[in-house]
Amino acid sequence: MRWSERIKLTLDTFKRVALPIYGWYFIFAFVGLGLLIVGLLPFVMPLVNKKGGSFPNPNPPMPPGNSFSSGLSPFSDNLASYLAQAPYFFLIFVIILLLSWLVTSAFMTGMFNLTQKGLHEKVLFRDFRFSGISRVLGWYGILTLVSFLVIVAGIIGAFALRGISYALPLFVGLYVLFLIALGIFLAPWLSTSVFYMLNHRELRFKHSLSGSWDFYRRNMGSLCLFFITLIGIQILLSFIYQASHSLGLLVTLLAGPFTAILPIVWVLSLEEEVNQQPLDSQNTTTQSQTWTSPQLPSESSSDEPTRGSSGEPSEDPSNESICDSASPSSTLSSSTSASSFSPTFPASSANPTSPEPSSAEVPPDSMNYCPTCGQKTRYGAHYCAQCGTKL
């Protein structure tokens, strides 16, 4: 399937899932906004003055003779309130992180189930299901843990090299370049692997994860083309937003669900192509075997001739063609070679398996035998079917 066909398939799928997907999109957007507000309140409340309810002056007048030697003395009261509530802030941060993790996993799972059904049929609002959310939670948990370890490794390396003048800038530059190169290489896999895992819920988690990597290696070109398309859409949205903030915000809200289902449709279409290839090859093999298989005669026709309605053996057409096409020279040589032995067989001892026409069709006086070999001949035959003697 070409790039234009996949984009057309994504547009057709988006038309079928537009109404329910916009409803769920705005529901989760409002939930995320609420979580953001709740998370910022503990950080904003200490800035409010308890007496007048106004914000403190960041530049209070200083008595003459004082200097900044005391450090942050003008903000000591505010910092003291923050330091006293540091455990509470850390707890709020962890809760917000867990809720964001849960909400994001639920949204991605529901979008996949909705798009999977809408790929070929019309969907409803209630088709947004959370089947497979545990797999998405596990994948995003692993991704968060690995990202945290990479960041911690970079910080530890920077602290270890902080005493060397040239080593620290070199390490920071190489570390940033490494992260950029690794991100570019793994970005298509990171954005599509979770949908492959949801499409193969019959596999165990580790098998589906390794299968997503094999799927990425087999379809690296198509998945990189998807990622370039996604980046192009984001760049176009940023240009529109720079030209007009209100128009850019509206276009971003409208294009958000489309960009969300784009990787899902890409993965599902590639999966259908992979599953269709063995079926096509099997059908092609079956058709070739059907057209090239030799037509072997049945065992009954090879063992005995087919009998007619009167119970006697019917005439074999191959014998008639052989007799009609026999040349006089071959007939003469056959009769000459057989002249040395020419027994005469009575009618009762004739071969019962020899072809014989029906008695209702042939006159009684015309049913005679070959004078050379005694084989019963059919009505109107000019040559014997067994020895070739001219009658």
Protein backbone atom coordinates (compact mmCIF):
# COMPACT_ATOMS: atom_id res chain seq x y z
CA MET A 1 0.00 0.00 0.00
CA ARG A 2 1.37 3.39 -0.99
CA TRP A 3 1.62 6.49 1.20
CA SER A 4 -1.35 8.16 -0.47
CA GLU A 5 -3.50 5.07 0.05
CA ARG A 6 -2.67 4.98 3.75
CA ILE A 7 -3.51 8.66 4.11
CA LYS A 8 -6.81 8.06 2.31
CA LEU A 9 -7.52 5.11 4.60
CA THR A 10 -6.78 7.31 7.62
CA LEU A 11 -9.19 9.98 6.36
CA ASP A 12 -11.92 7.42 5.73
CA THR A 13 -11.42 5.95 9.21
CA PHE A 14 -11.43 9.43 10.73
CA LYS A 15 -14.80 10.15 9.11
CA ARG A 16 -16.28 7.04 10.71
CA VAL A 17 -14.88 7.74 14.18
CA ALA A 18 -15.05 11.57 14.18
CA LEU A 19 -18.02 12.15 16.49
CA PRO A 20 -17.17 9.67 19.27
CA ILE A 21 -13.47 10.46 19.10
CA TYR A 22 -14.06 14.20 19.53
CA GLY A 23 -16.32 13.54 22.50
CA TRP A 24 -13.73 11.44 24.30
CA TYR A 25 -10.94 13.79 23.25
CA PHE A 26 -12.55 16.79 24.98
CA ILE A 27 -13.47 14.69 28.03
CA PHE A 28 -9.84 13.72 28.56
CA ALA A 29 -8.70 17.29 27.76
CA PHE A 30 -10.87 18.67 30.55
CA VAL A 31 -9.66 15.94 32.91
CA GLY A 32 -6.04 16.85 32.15
CA LEU A 33 -6.75 20.55 32.66
CA GLY A 34 -8.33 19.80 36.01
CA LEU A 35 -5.32 17.75 37.08
CA LEU A 36 -3.02 20.60 36.06
CA ILE A 37 -4.95 23.15 38.09
CA VAL A 38 -5.08 20.90 41.14
CA GLY A 39 -1.35 20.29 40.88
CA LEU A 40 -0.47 23.99 40.63
CA LEU A 41 -2.59 25.10 43.57
CA PRO A 42 -0.12 23.94 46.27
CA PHE A 43 2.64 25.88 44.53
CA VAL A 44 0.55 29.04 44.16
CA MET A 45 -0.97 29.15 47.63
CA PRO A 46 2.26 30.01 49.52
CA LEU A 47 2.65 33.09 47.31
CA VAL A 48 -0.59 34.54 48.59
CA ASN A 49 -0.20 36.91 51.51
CA LYS A 50 -2.08 35.63 54.51
CA LYS A 51 -3.00 39.14 55.72
CA GLY A 52 -4.13 41.16 52.74
CA GLY A 53 -4.45 38.37 50.19
CA SER A 54 -2.01 40.07 47.81
CA PHE A 55 1.29 38.93 46.39
CA PRO A 56 4.46 40.08 48.21
CA ASN A 57 6.68 42.76 46.77
CA PRO A 58 9.67 41.07 45.13
CA ASN A 59 11.81 44.20 45.70
CA PRO A 60 11.28 45.31 49.33
CA PRO A 61 13.22 48.36 50.63
CA MET A 62 16.46 47.52 52.41
CA PRO A 63 17.87 49.37 55.42
CA PRO A 64 21.06 51.36 54.79
CA GLY A 65 24.22 49.51 55.46
CA ASN A 66 22.76 46.05 54.70
CA SER A 67 23.95 44.00 51.77
CA PHE A 68 23.12 40.69 50.09
CA SER A 69 25.62 38.88 52.29
CA SER A 70 22.76 37.27 54.14
CA GLY A 71 21.75 35.49 50.95
CA LEU A 72 18.05 35.51 50.05
CA SER A 73 16.95 37.43 53.12
CA PRO A 74 14.14 39.38 51.35
CA PHE A 75 12.54 36.03 50.35
CA SER A 76 13.38 34.09 53.47
CA ASP A 77 9.79 33.93 54.66
CA ASN A 78 8.51 32.60 51.32
CA LEU A 79 11.34 30.08 51.04
CA ALA A 80 10.72 28.90 54.57
CA SER A 81 7.10 28.12 53.73
CA TYR A 82 8.17 26.20 50.64
CA LEU A 83 10.86 24.24 52.48
CA ALA A 84 8.44 23.35 55.25
CA GLN A 85 6.00 21.92 52.70
CA ALA A 86 8.59 20.13 50.57
CA PRO A 87 7.35 16.62 51.44
CA TYR A 88 3.80 17.67 50.61
CA PHE A 89 4.92 19.09 47.25
CA PHE A 90 6.80 15.89 46.44
CA LEU A 91 3.70 13.84 47.29
CA ILE A 92 1.54 16.05 45.06
CA PHE A 93 4.05 15.69 42.23
CA VAL A 94 4.03 11.90 42.51
CA ILE A 95 0.21 11.80 42.57
CA ILE A 96 0.00 14.02 39.47
CA LEU A 97 2.55 11.83 37.71
CA LEU A 98 0.59 8.66 38.49
CA LEU A 99 -2.74 10.21 37.45
CA SER A 100 -1.23 11.46 34.19
CA TRP A 101 0.19 8.00 33.56
CA LEU A 102 -3.20 6.39 34.16
CA VAL A 103 -5.19 8.94 32.13
CA THR A 104 -2.78 8.80 29.17
CA SER A 105 -2.85 5.00 29.12
CA ALA A 106 -6.65 4.95 29.29
CA PHE A 107 -6.95 7.47 26.46
CA MET A 108 -4.53 5.61 24.17
CA THR A 109 -6.24 2.27 24.87
CA GLY A 110 -9.70 3.63 24.13
CA MET A 111 -8.51 5.37 20.98
CA PHE A 112 -6.99 2.14 19.69
CA ASN A 113 -10.13 0.07 20.33
CA LEU A 114 -12.30 2.74 18.72
CA THR A 115 -10.05 3.04 15.66
CA GLN A 116 -9.64 -0.72 15.28
CA LYS A 117 -13.39 -1.13 14.93
CA GLY A 118 -13.78 2.03 12.82
CA LEU A 119 -11.23 0.83 10.29
CA HIS A 120 -13.96 -1.05 8.39
CA GLU A 121 -17.31 -0.11 9.98
CA LYS A 122 -19.22 2.66 11.72
CA VAL A 123 -18.57 3.12 15.44
CA LEU A 124 -20.50 4.61 18.35
CA PHE A 125 -19.56 6.52 21.47
CA ARG A 126 -19.80 3.42 23.65
CA ASP A 127 -17.25 1.55 21.50
CA PHE A 128 -14.52 3.41 23.38
CA ARG A 129 -13.29 0.50 25.53
CA PHE A 130 -10.41 0.08 27.94
CA SER A 131 -9.54 -3.51 27.05
CA GLY A 132 -5.76 -3.93 27.28
CA ILE A 133 -5.03 -0.92 29.50
CA SER A 134 -2.71 -2.97 31.74
CA ARG A 135 -0.43 -3.60 28.76
CA VAL A 136 -0.26 0.11 27.97
CA LEU A 137 0.43 0.93 31.62
CA GLY A 138 3.31 -1.53 31.65
CA TRP A 139 4.77 -0.15 28.44
CA TYR A 140 4.64 3.49 29.57
CA GLY A 141 6.03 2.48 32.96
CA ILE A 142 9.05 0.83 31.30
CA LEU A 143 9.51 3.85 29.04
CA THR A 144 9.41 6.25 32.01
CA LEU A 145 11.87 4.15 34.00
CA VAL A 146 14.35 3.89 31.11
CA SER A 147 14.13 7.66 30.47
CA PHE A 148 14.76 8.36 34.16
CA LEU A 149 17.81 6.07 34.19
CA VAL A 150 19.25 7.72 31.07
CA ILE A 151 18.86 11.18 32.61
CA VAL A 152 20.41 10.05 35.91
CA ALA A 153 23.35 8.50 34.02
CA GLY A 154 23.95 11.80 32.23
CA ILE A 155 23.85 13.77 35.48
CA ILE A 156 26.25 11.37 37.21
CA GLY A 157 28.65 11.59 34.27
CA ALA A 158 28.53 15.39 34.32
CA PHE A 159 29.27 15.49 38.06
CA ALA A 160 32.14 13.05 37.64
CA LEU A 161 33.78 15.24 34.97
CA ARG A 162 33.04 18.64 36.50
CA GLY A 163 36.65 19.09 37.67
CA ILE A 164 38.15 18.66 34.18
CA SER A 165 37.99 21.83 32.11
CA TYR A 166 37.60 20.36 28.62
CA ALA A 167 36.06 16.99 29.45
CA LEU A 168 32.77 18.31 30.79
CA PRO A 169 31.74 20.34 27.68
CA LEU A 170 32.86 17.48 25.44
CA PHE A 171 30.86 14.97 27.47
CA VAL A 172 27.75 17.17 27.44
CA GLY A 173 27.98 17.69 23.68
CA LEU A 174 28.47 14.01 22.92
CA TYR A 175 25.71 13.04 25.35
CA VAL A 176 23.23 15.41 23.72
CA LEU A 177 24.16 14.20 20.22
CA PHE A 178 23.76 10.59 21.37
CA LEU A 179 20.30 11.30 22.76
CA ILE A 180 19.25 13.08 19.55
CA ALA A 181 20.49 10.26 17.31
CA LEU A 182 18.91 7.59 19.51
CA GLY A 183 15.63 9.52 19.62
CA ILE A 184 15.50 9.90 15.83
CA PHE A 185 16.20 6.19 15.32
CA LEU A 186 13.72 4.95 17.93
CA ALA A 187 10.97 7.57 17.50
CA PRO A 188 8.91 5.55 14.94
CA TRP A 189 9.13 2.45 17.12
CA LEU A 190 8.28 4.30 20.34
CA SER A 191 5.22 5.91 18.77
CA THR A 192 3.82 2.68 17.26
CA SER A 193 4.97 -0.20 19.46
CA VAL A 194 2.17 0.18 21.99
CA PHE A 195 -0.44 -0.23 19.23
CA TYR A 196 1.26 -3.39 17.98
CA MET A 197 1.14 -4.75 21.52
CA LEU A 198 -2.57 -3.91 21.78
CA ASN A 199 -3.23 -5.61 18.44
CA HIS A 200 -1.58 -8.81 19.76
CA ARG A 201 -3.17 -9.16 23.17
CA GLU A 202 -3.09 -12.95 22.76
CA LEU A 203 0.69 -12.83 23.30
CA ARG A 204 2.44 -12.36 26.61
CA PHE A 205 3.77 -8.91 27.42
CA LYS A 206 7.44 -9.66 26.73
CA HIS A 207 6.62 -11.54 23.53
CA SER A 208 4.47 -8.71 22.22
CA LEU A 209 7.22 -6.21 23.12
CA SER A 210 9.88 -8.19 21.23
CA GLY A 211 7.39 -8.69 18.40
CA SER A 212 6.90 -4.92 18.14
CA TRP A 213 10.65 -4.52 17.65
CA ASP A 214 10.68 -7.20 14.92
CA PHE A 215 7.68 -5.48 13.31
CA TYR A 216 9.59 -2.18 13.33
CA ARG A 217 12.67 -3.75 11.72
CA ARG A 218 10.58 -5.39 8.96
CA ASN A 219 8.60 -2.22 8.20
CA MET A 220 11.19 0.42 9.02
CA GLY A 221 10.68 2.32 5.78
CA SER A 222 6.91 2.62 6.14
CA LEU A 223 7.10 3.54 9.83
CA CYS A 224 9.76 6.19 9.18
CA LEU A 225 7.54 7.60 6.45
CA PHE A 226 4.70 7.76 8.99
CA PHE A 227 6.91 9.64 11.45
CA ILE A 228 7.97 12.12 8.77
CA THR A 229 4.29 12.67 7.95
CA LEU A 230 3.52 13.29 11.62
CA ILE A 231 6.39 15.78 11.94
CA GLY A 232 5.22 17.54 8.78
CA ILE A 233 1.71 17.93 10.19
CA GLN A 234 3.10 19.36 13.44
CA ILE A 235 5.29 21.85 11.55
CA LEU A 236 2.30 22.94 9.47
CA LEU A 237 0.24 23.46 12.64
CA SER A 238 3.02 25.53 14.19
CA PHE A 239 3.14 27.77 11.09
CA ILE A 240 -0.62 28.30 11.28
CA TYR A 241 -0.36 29.09 14.99
CA GLN A 242 2.40 31.65 14.37
CA ALA A 243 0.28 33.34 11.70
CA SER A 244 -2.86 33.48 13.87
CA HIS A 245 -3.03 32.28 17.46
CA SER A 246 -6.80 31.85 17.52
CA LEU A 247 -6.89 30.04 14.16
CA GLY A 248 -3.89 27.93 15.13
CA LEU A 249 -5.53 26.87 18.42
CA LEU A 250 -8.72 25.90 16.58
CA VAL A 251 -6.86 23.94 13.90
CA THR A 252 -4.76 22.19 16.57
CA LEU A 253 -7.90 21.08 18.42
CA LEU A 254 -9.45 19.79 15.19
CA ALA A 255 -6.30 18.02 14.01
CA GLY A 256 -5.48 16.48 17.39
CA PRO A 257 -7.69 13.36 17.02
CA PHE A 258 -6.49 12.87 13.44
CA THR A 259 -2.84 12.81 14.48
CA ALA A 260 -3.79 10.47 17.35
CA ILE A 261 -5.32 7.82 15.05
CA LEU A 262 -2.65 8.19 12.34
CA PRO A 263 -0.15 5.73 13.93
CA ILE A 264 -2.99 3.32 14.78
CA VAL A 265 -4.20 3.15 11.17
CA TRP A 266 -0.61 2.81 9.96
CA VAL A 267 0.07 -0.18 12.20
CA LEU A 268 -3.26 -1.90 11.48
CA SER A 269 -2.89 -1.50 7.71
CA LEU A 270 0.63 -2.91 7.81
CA GLU A 271 -0.63 -5.83 9.90
CA GLU A 272 -3.37 -6.55 7.36
CA GLU A 273 -0.81 -6.58 4.56
CA VAL A 274 1.40 -9.00 6.49
CA ASN A 275 -1.56 -11.32 7.13
CA GLN A 276 -2.75 -11.07 3.53
CA GLN A 277 0.54 -12.15 1.93
CA PRO A 278 0.40 -15.81 3.13
CA LEU A 279 -3.22 -16.06 1.99
CA ASP A 280 -2.37 -14.73 -1.47
CA SER A 281 0.58 -17.10 -1.84
CA GLN A 282 -1.57 -20.03 -0.69
CA ASN A 283 -4.30 -19.14 -3.18
CA THR A 284 -1.76 -18.81 -5.98
CA THR A 285 -0.26 -22.22 -5.14
CA THR A 286 -3.69 -23.83 -5.04
CA GLN A 287 -4.65 -22.36 -8.40
CA SER A 288 -1.39 -23.50 -10.03
CA GLN A 289 -1.87 -27.01 -8.71
CA THR A 290 -5.44 -27.03 -9.96
CA TRP A 291 -4.47 -26.00 -13.50
CA THR A 292 -1.35 -28.17 -13.83
CA SER A 293 -2.52 -31.40 -12.19
CA PRO A 294 -2.75 -34.31 -14.73
CA GLN A 295 -6.13 -35.82 -15.38
CA LEU A 296 -5.57 -39.43 -14.35
CA PRO A 297 -8.19 -42.02 -15.33
CA SER A 298 -10.18 -43.60 -12.55
CA GLU A 299 -9.43 -47.08 -11.31
CA SER A 300 -12.78 -48.42 -12.45
CA SER A 301 -12.21 -47.24 -16.02
CA SER A 302 -8.71 -48.74 -16.09
CA ASP A 303 -9.79 -52.11 -14.68
CA GLU A 304 -12.95 -52.70 -16.71
CA PRO A 305 -14.87 -50.86 -19.40
CA THR A 306 -18.00 -48.94 -18.56
CA ARG A 307 -21.14 -50.97 -19.00
CA GLY A 308 -24.22 -49.75 -20.78
CA SER A 309 -27.83 -49.88 -19.71
CA SER A 310 -28.27 -53.50 -20.92
CA GLY A 311 -25.53 -54.74 -18.55
CA GLU A 312 -23.01 -55.44 -21.33
CA PRO A 313 -19.76 -53.52 -21.70
CA SER A 314 -20.14 -50.34 -23.72
CA GLU A 315 -17.93 -49.53 -26.64
CA ASP A 316 -14.53 -48.05 -25.81
CA PRO A 317 -14.01 -44.92 -27.95
CA SER A 318 -10.26 -45.32 -27.88
CA ASN A 319 -10.54 -48.67 -29.70
CA GLU A 320 -12.68 -47.10 -32.38
CA SER A 321 -10.18 -44.32 -32.96
CA ILE A 322 -7.34 -46.81 -33.12
CA CYS A 323 -9.19 -49.03 -35.57
CA ASP A 324 -10.28 -46.15 -37.77
CA SER A 325 -6.82 -44.63 -37.86
CA ALA A 326 -4.95 -47.89 -38.52
CA SER A 327 -3.16 -47.94 -41.85
CA PRO A 328 -3.54 -50.87 -44.32
CA SER A 329 0.20 -51.58 -44.15
CA SER A 330 0.14 -52.07 -40.39
CA THR A 331 -2.99 -54.21 -40.73
CA LEU A 332 -1.33 -56.38 -43.39
CA SER A 333 1.78 -56.93 -41.26
CA SER A 334 -0.33 -57.81 -38.26
CA SER A 335 -2.41 -60.31 -40.21
CA THR A 336 0.73 -61.89 -41.71
CA SER A 337 2.36 -62.32 -38.33
CA ALA A 338 -0.78 -63.79 -36.86
CA SER A 339 -1.47 -66.20 -39.76
CA SER A 340 0.69 -68.89 -38.19
CA PHE A 341 -1.64 -69.13 -35.23
CA SER A 342 -5.30 -68.65 -35.96
CA PRO A 343 -7.46 -70.56 -33.50
CA THR A 344 -11.21 -70.45 -33.75
CA PHE A 345 -13.10 -69.66 -30.52
CA PRO A 346 -16.71 -70.51 -29.98
CA ALA A 347 -19.16 -67.82 -29.03
CA SER A 348 -19.41 -68.97 -25.41
CA SER A 349 -15.66 -68.72 -24.79
CA ALA A 350 -15.27 -65.13 -26.00
CA ASN A 351 -13.68 -62.59 -23.71
CA PRO A 352 -16.49 -61.15 -21.58
CA THR A 353 -14.65 -57.90 -21.16
CA SER A 354 -14.51 -57.14 -24.90
CA PRO A 355 -16.59 -54.22 -26.09
CA GLU A 356 -19.97 -55.35 -27.42
CA PRO A 357 -22.85 -53.24 -28.61
CA SER A 358 -26.28 -53.64 -27.17
CA SER A 359 -28.45 -56.44 -28.64
CA ALA A 360 -31.35 -54.02 -29.02
CA GLU A 361 -29.32 -51.78 -31.35
CA VAL A 362 -27.42 -54.41 -33.40
CA PRO A 363 -29.13 -56.99 -35.62
CA PRO A 364 -28.52 -60.60 -34.53
CA ASP A 365 -27.01 -61.65 -37.82
CA SER A 366 -24.43 -58.87 -37.73
CA MET A 367 -22.76 -59.94 -34.44
CA ASN A 368 -19.80 -61.98 -35.82
CA TYR A 369 -16.26 -62.76 -34.69
CA CYS A 370 -12.80 -62.10 -36.06
CA PRO A 371 -11.71 -65.11 -38.19
CA THR A 372 -8.11 -64.69 -37.01
CA CYS A 373 -8.26 -64.28 -33.23
CA GLY A 374 -11.91 -64.97 -32.45
CA GLN A 375 -12.51 -61.56 -30.88
CA LYS A 376 -16.11 -60.39 -31.03
CA THR A 377 -16.35 -57.37 -33.34
CA ARG A 378 -18.76 -54.49 -33.17
CA TYR A 379 -21.41 -53.72 -35.73
CA GLY A 380 -20.02 -52.05 -38.87
CA ALA A 381 -16.32 -52.46 -37.92
CA HIS A 382 -13.83 -52.88 -40.79
CA TYR A 383 -10.88 -54.07 -38.68
CA CYS A 384 -10.50 -56.25 -35.66
CA ALA A 385 -9.91 -54.24 -32.48
CA GLN A 386 -7.45 -56.82 -31.09
CA CYS A 387 -5.34 -58.15 -33.96
CA GLY A 388 -6.08 -55.55 -36.66
CA THR A 389 -7.25 -58.10 -39.30
CA LYS A 390 -9.40 -56.59 -42.01
CA LEU A 391 -12.94 -57.98 -41.81
